[in-house]
Every structure is written in C-alpha cells, then in structure tokens.
Amino acid sequence: MQTLLIILFNAVLTSTILCLAERLNHNIPLGIKRSFCFRCQHQLSWYDLIPVISAILLHGHCRHCQFKFGMHYAHIELLGAMIG
C-alpha cells in the first residue's frame, strides 16, 4: 500500500513539474489560472488532470477541441512515477 502511494505521489509531482515548465515556457503566470488547453483555452476539469490515466483515456487529445498534445506527457509522468 505504501509503495502505491509513493508511486501516485511521484506521478502527481512529475505532472506538476511538467505543468510549471510549460507555463514558464509560454510566459504564463504560475498562480493566475487553472490548467487549460493551450489551443481552445478551455479550463480542464479535475478528471482531465489525473496523471497518466487521463492522457491514456483521451488518447493524448483535448476533450473539448480534440487538439493533440501528445502522449509524451503520459510517458514522462509514468517514468517519473517509476523512478521515484
């Protein structure tokens, strides 16, 4: 049970770091707006932010505009979960 919690924590931590990096890369303030699609600007729901699982279920696309953001985020999140 403890191992599962550590894996989940590492996946969330990796996802947060990726989000911060994207915001810094696009000059978006860190604390102003919740996570959103860079193309349609739609605010993402909590279930769209579950590391690895939501990317797999959505096939690497935005739920609203179908913009393909890619599966590389899920791969990095999974790698971060396993390494941690």
N, C-alpha and C. Protein backbone atom coordinates (compact mmCIF):
# COMPACT_ATOMS: atom_id res chain seq x y z
N MET A 1 0.82 -1.20 0.00
CA MET A 1 0.00 0.00 0.00
C MET A 1 0.87 1.26 0.00
N GLN A 2 1.92 1.23 0.80
CA GLN A 2 2.81 2.38 0.89
C GLN A 2 3.51 2.62 -0.45
N THR A 3 3.88 1.56 -1.13
CA THR A 3 4.54 1.68 -2.44
C THR A 3 3.61 2.33 -3.45
N LEU A 4 2.34 1.95 -3.45
CA LEU A 4 1.37 2.53 -4.36
C LEU A 4 1.20 4.03 -4.12
N LEU A 5 1.15 4.41 -2.85
CA LEU A 5 1.03 5.84 -2.53
C LEU A 5 2.26 6.62 -2.97
N ILE A 6 3.42 6.04 -2.84
CA ILE A 6 4.65 6.69 -3.29
C ILE A 6 4.64 6.86 -4.81
N ILE A 7 4.20 5.83 -5.53
CA ILE A 7 4.12 5.90 -6.99
C ILE A 7 3.13 6.99 -7.42
N LEU A 8 1.96 7.04 -6.77
CA LEU A 8 0.96 8.07 -7.09
C LEU A 8 1.49 9.47 -6.80
N PHE A 9 2.15 9.63 -5.66
CA PHE A 9 2.72 10.92 -5.29
C PHE A 9 3.76 11.36 -6.32
N ASN A 10 4.61 10.46 -6.76
CA ASN A 10 5.64 10.79 -7.74
C ASN A 10 5.03 11.15 -9.09
N ALA A 11 3.94 10.48 -9.48
CA ALA A 11 3.26 10.81 -10.74
C ALA A 11 2.67 12.21 -10.67
N VAL A 12 2.05 12.55 -9.55
CA VAL A 12 1.47 13.89 -9.37
C VAL A 12 2.57 14.94 -9.35
N LEU A 13 3.65 14.66 -8.67
CA LEU A 13 4.78 15.59 -8.60
C LEU A 13 5.37 15.82 -9.99
N THR A 14 5.57 14.77 -10.75
CA THR A 14 6.10 14.89 -12.11
C THR A 14 5.14 15.69 -12.99
N SER A 15 3.85 15.44 -12.87
CA SER A 15 2.86 16.17 -13.65
C SER A 15 2.87 17.65 -13.31
N THR A 16 3.01 17.97 -12.03
CA THR A 16 3.07 19.36 -11.60
C THR A 16 4.31 20.06 -12.15
N ILE A 17 5.43 19.39 -12.14
CA ILE A 17 6.67 19.96 -12.68
C ILE A 17 6.53 20.21 -14.18
N LEU A 18 5.91 19.27 -14.90
CA LEU A 18 5.68 19.47 -16.33
C LEU A 18 4.77 20.67 -16.60
N CYS A 19 3.74 20.81 -15.78
CA CYS A 19 2.82 21.94 -15.93
C CYS A 19 3.55 23.26 -15.69
N LEU A 20 4.35 23.32 -14.65
CA LEU A 20 5.11 24.54 -14.35
C LEU A 20 6.08 24.86 -15.48
N ALA A 21 6.72 23.85 -16.02
CA ALA A 21 7.67 24.07 -17.12
C ALA A 21 6.95 24.62 -18.36
N GLU A 22 5.77 24.07 -18.68
CA GLU A 22 5.01 24.56 -19.82
C GLU A 22 4.59 26.01 -19.63
N ARG A 23 4.15 26.34 -18.41
CA ARG A 23 3.74 27.72 -18.13
C ARG A 23 4.92 28.67 -18.25
N LEU A 24 6.05 28.30 -17.72
CA LEU A 24 7.23 29.15 -17.82
C LEU A 24 7.68 29.28 -19.27
N ASN A 25 7.57 28.21 -20.03
CA ASN A 25 7.96 28.20 -21.43
C ASN A 25 7.09 29.14 -22.27
N HIS A 26 5.82 29.29 -21.90
CA HIS A 26 4.88 30.12 -22.66
C HIS A 26 4.62 31.47 -21.97
N ASN A 27 5.40 31.81 -20.95
CA ASN A 27 5.27 33.08 -20.22
C ASN A 27 3.87 33.28 -19.63
N ILE A 28 3.34 32.23 -19.05
CA ILE A 28 2.03 32.28 -18.40
C ILE A 28 2.27 32.34 -16.90
N PRO A 29 1.62 33.28 -16.19
CA PRO A 29 1.80 33.36 -14.74
C PRO A 29 1.45 32.04 -14.05
N LEU A 30 2.23 31.70 -13.04
CA LEU A 30 2.08 30.40 -12.39
C LEU A 30 0.81 30.25 -11.58
N GLY A 31 0.38 31.27 -10.87
CA GLY A 31 -0.75 31.12 -9.97
C GLY A 31 -2.02 31.78 -10.41
N ILE A 32 -2.11 32.25 -11.62
CA ILE A 32 -3.27 33.04 -12.05
C ILE A 32 -4.44 32.17 -12.50
N LYS A 33 -4.18 31.18 -13.32
CA LYS A 33 -5.24 30.44 -13.97
C LYS A 33 -5.04 28.94 -13.77
N ARG A 34 -6.16 28.22 -13.61
CA ARG A 34 -6.08 26.77 -13.53
C ARG A 34 -5.60 26.19 -14.84
N SER A 35 -5.31 24.91 -14.86
CA SER A 35 -4.84 24.25 -16.08
C SER A 35 -5.87 24.38 -17.19
N PHE A 36 -5.39 24.61 -18.40
CA PHE A 36 -6.27 24.84 -19.53
C PHE A 36 -5.61 24.32 -20.80
N CYS A 37 -6.42 24.17 -21.85
CA CYS A 37 -5.91 23.77 -23.16
C CYS A 37 -5.25 25.00 -23.79
N PHE A 38 -4.05 24.82 -24.31
CA PHE A 38 -3.35 25.95 -24.93
C PHE A 38 -4.01 26.39 -26.23
N ARG A 39 -4.78 25.52 -26.85
CA ARG A 39 -5.41 25.87 -28.13
C ARG A 39 -6.77 26.53 -27.95
N CYS A 40 -7.69 25.87 -27.23
CA CYS A 40 -9.05 26.41 -27.10
C CYS A 40 -9.27 27.20 -25.82
N GLN A 41 -8.27 27.22 -24.94
CA GLN A 41 -8.31 27.98 -23.67
C GLN A 41 -9.37 27.45 -22.70
N HIS A 42 -9.92 26.25 -22.96
CA HIS A 42 -10.93 25.69 -22.06
C HIS A 42 -10.26 25.21 -20.77
N GLN A 43 -10.87 25.57 -19.64
CA GLN A 43 -10.35 25.15 -18.34
C GLN A 43 -10.58 23.65 -18.16
N LEU A 44 -9.52 22.94 -17.79
CA LEU A 44 -9.61 21.49 -17.65
C LEU A 44 -10.26 21.10 -16.32
N SER A 45 -11.05 20.05 -16.34
CA SER A 45 -11.70 19.53 -15.14
C SER A 45 -10.72 18.69 -14.35
N TRP A 46 -11.08 18.36 -13.12
CA TRP A 46 -10.18 17.59 -12.26
C TRP A 46 -9.88 16.23 -12.86
N TYR A 47 -10.86 15.62 -13.52
CA TYR A 47 -10.64 14.29 -14.09
C TYR A 47 -9.79 14.33 -15.36
N ASP A 48 -9.57 15.53 -15.93
CA ASP A 48 -8.66 15.66 -17.06
C ASP A 48 -7.21 15.80 -16.60
N LEU A 49 -7.01 15.94 -15.30
CA LEU A 49 -5.68 16.19 -14.76
C LEU A 49 -5.08 15.00 -14.02
N ILE A 50 -5.71 13.85 -14.08
CA ILE A 50 -5.18 12.66 -13.42
C ILE A 50 -3.95 12.19 -14.20
N PRO A 51 -2.79 12.15 -13.57
CA PRO A 51 -1.57 11.78 -14.29
C PRO A 51 -1.68 10.41 -14.96
N VAL A 52 -1.17 10.29 -16.13
CA VAL A 52 -1.08 9.09 -16.97
C VAL A 52 -2.47 8.61 -17.42
N ILE A 53 -3.38 8.39 -16.50
CA ILE A 53 -4.68 7.78 -16.81
C ILE A 53 -5.50 8.66 -17.75
N SER A 54 -5.59 9.96 -17.47
CA SER A 54 -6.40 10.82 -18.32
C SER A 54 -5.81 10.94 -19.73
N ALA A 55 -4.49 10.98 -19.83
CA ALA A 55 -3.86 11.06 -21.15
C ALA A 55 -4.13 9.79 -21.95
N ILE A 56 -4.11 8.65 -21.30
CA ILE A 56 -4.39 7.38 -21.98
C ILE A 56 -5.85 7.32 -22.42
N LEU A 57 -6.76 7.71 -21.54
CA LEU A 57 -8.19 7.66 -21.87
C LEU A 57 -8.56 8.63 -22.99
N LEU A 58 -7.88 9.78 -23.03
CA LEU A 58 -8.18 10.79 -24.05
C LEU A 58 -7.30 10.63 -25.30
N HIS A 59 -6.43 9.64 -25.30
CA HIS A 59 -5.53 9.36 -26.43
C HIS A 59 -4.66 10.57 -26.78
N GLY A 60 -4.28 11.34 -25.75
CA GLY A 60 -3.39 12.48 -25.96
C GLY A 60 -4.04 13.67 -26.64
N HIS A 61 -5.38 13.79 -26.52
CA HIS A 61 -6.11 14.89 -27.15
C HIS A 61 -6.87 15.69 -26.10
N CYS A 62 -7.16 16.95 -26.41
CA CYS A 62 -8.03 17.77 -25.57
C CYS A 62 -9.45 17.22 -25.66
N ARG A 63 -10.13 17.16 -24.55
CA ARG A 63 -11.50 16.64 -24.51
C ARG A 63 -12.47 17.54 -25.29
N HIS A 64 -12.16 18.82 -25.40
CA HIS A 64 -13.10 19.78 -25.97
C HIS A 64 -12.84 20.10 -27.44
N CYS A 65 -11.58 20.37 -27.81
CA CYS A 65 -11.30 20.76 -29.19
C CYS A 65 -10.55 19.69 -29.98
N GLN A 66 -10.22 18.58 -29.33
CA GLN A 66 -9.50 17.45 -29.93
C GLN A 66 -8.09 17.80 -30.39
N PHE A 67 -7.53 18.88 -29.86
CA PHE A 67 -6.15 19.25 -30.15
C PHE A 67 -5.22 18.17 -29.60
N LYS A 68 -4.30 17.70 -30.42
CA LYS A 68 -3.41 16.63 -29.99
C LYS A 68 -2.20 17.22 -29.25
N PHE A 69 -2.14 16.97 -27.94
CA PHE A 69 -0.99 17.43 -27.17
C PHE A 69 0.06 16.34 -27.05
N GLY A 70 -0.27 15.14 -27.42
CA GLY A 70 0.70 14.06 -27.46
C GLY A 70 0.73 13.20 -26.22
N MET A 71 1.29 12.02 -26.38
CA MET A 71 1.39 11.07 -25.28
C MET A 71 2.71 11.21 -24.53
N HIS A 72 3.58 12.11 -24.97
CA HIS A 72 4.87 12.22 -24.30
C HIS A 72 4.72 12.67 -22.84
N TYR A 73 3.66 13.42 -22.53
CA TYR A 73 3.43 13.81 -21.14
C TYR A 73 3.14 12.58 -20.28
N ALA A 74 2.31 11.69 -20.79
CA ALA A 74 1.99 10.47 -20.05
C ALA A 74 3.23 9.61 -19.86
N HIS A 75 4.06 9.53 -20.88
CA HIS A 75 5.29 8.74 -20.78
C HIS A 75 6.24 9.32 -19.72
N ILE A 76 6.37 10.64 -19.72
CA ILE A 76 7.26 11.26 -18.73
C ILE A 76 6.69 11.11 -17.32
N GLU A 77 5.37 11.27 -17.17
CA GLU A 77 4.74 11.09 -15.85
C GLU A 77 4.93 9.66 -15.35
N LEU A 78 4.76 8.69 -16.23
CA LEU A 78 4.93 7.29 -15.84
C LEU A 78 6.39 7.01 -15.48
N LEU A 79 7.30 7.55 -16.24
CA LEU A 79 8.72 7.39 -15.94
C LEU A 79 9.07 8.02 -14.59
N GLY A 80 8.55 9.21 -14.35
CA GLY A 80 8.79 9.87 -13.06
C GLY A 80 8.20 9.09 -11.89
N ALA A 81 7.04 8.48 -12.11
CA ALA A 81 6.42 7.67 -11.05
C ALA A 81 7.26 6.45 -10.73
N MET A 82 7.79 5.81 -11.76
CA MET A 82 8.58 4.59 -11.56
C MET A 82 9.97 4.88 -10.99
N ILE A 83 10.60 5.95 -11.43
CA ILE A 83 11.94 6.28 -10.93
C ILE A 83 11.89 6.69 -9.47
N GLY A 84 10.89 7.49 -9.13
CA GLY A 84 10.78 7.99 -7.76
C GLY A 84 10.54 6.89 -6.78
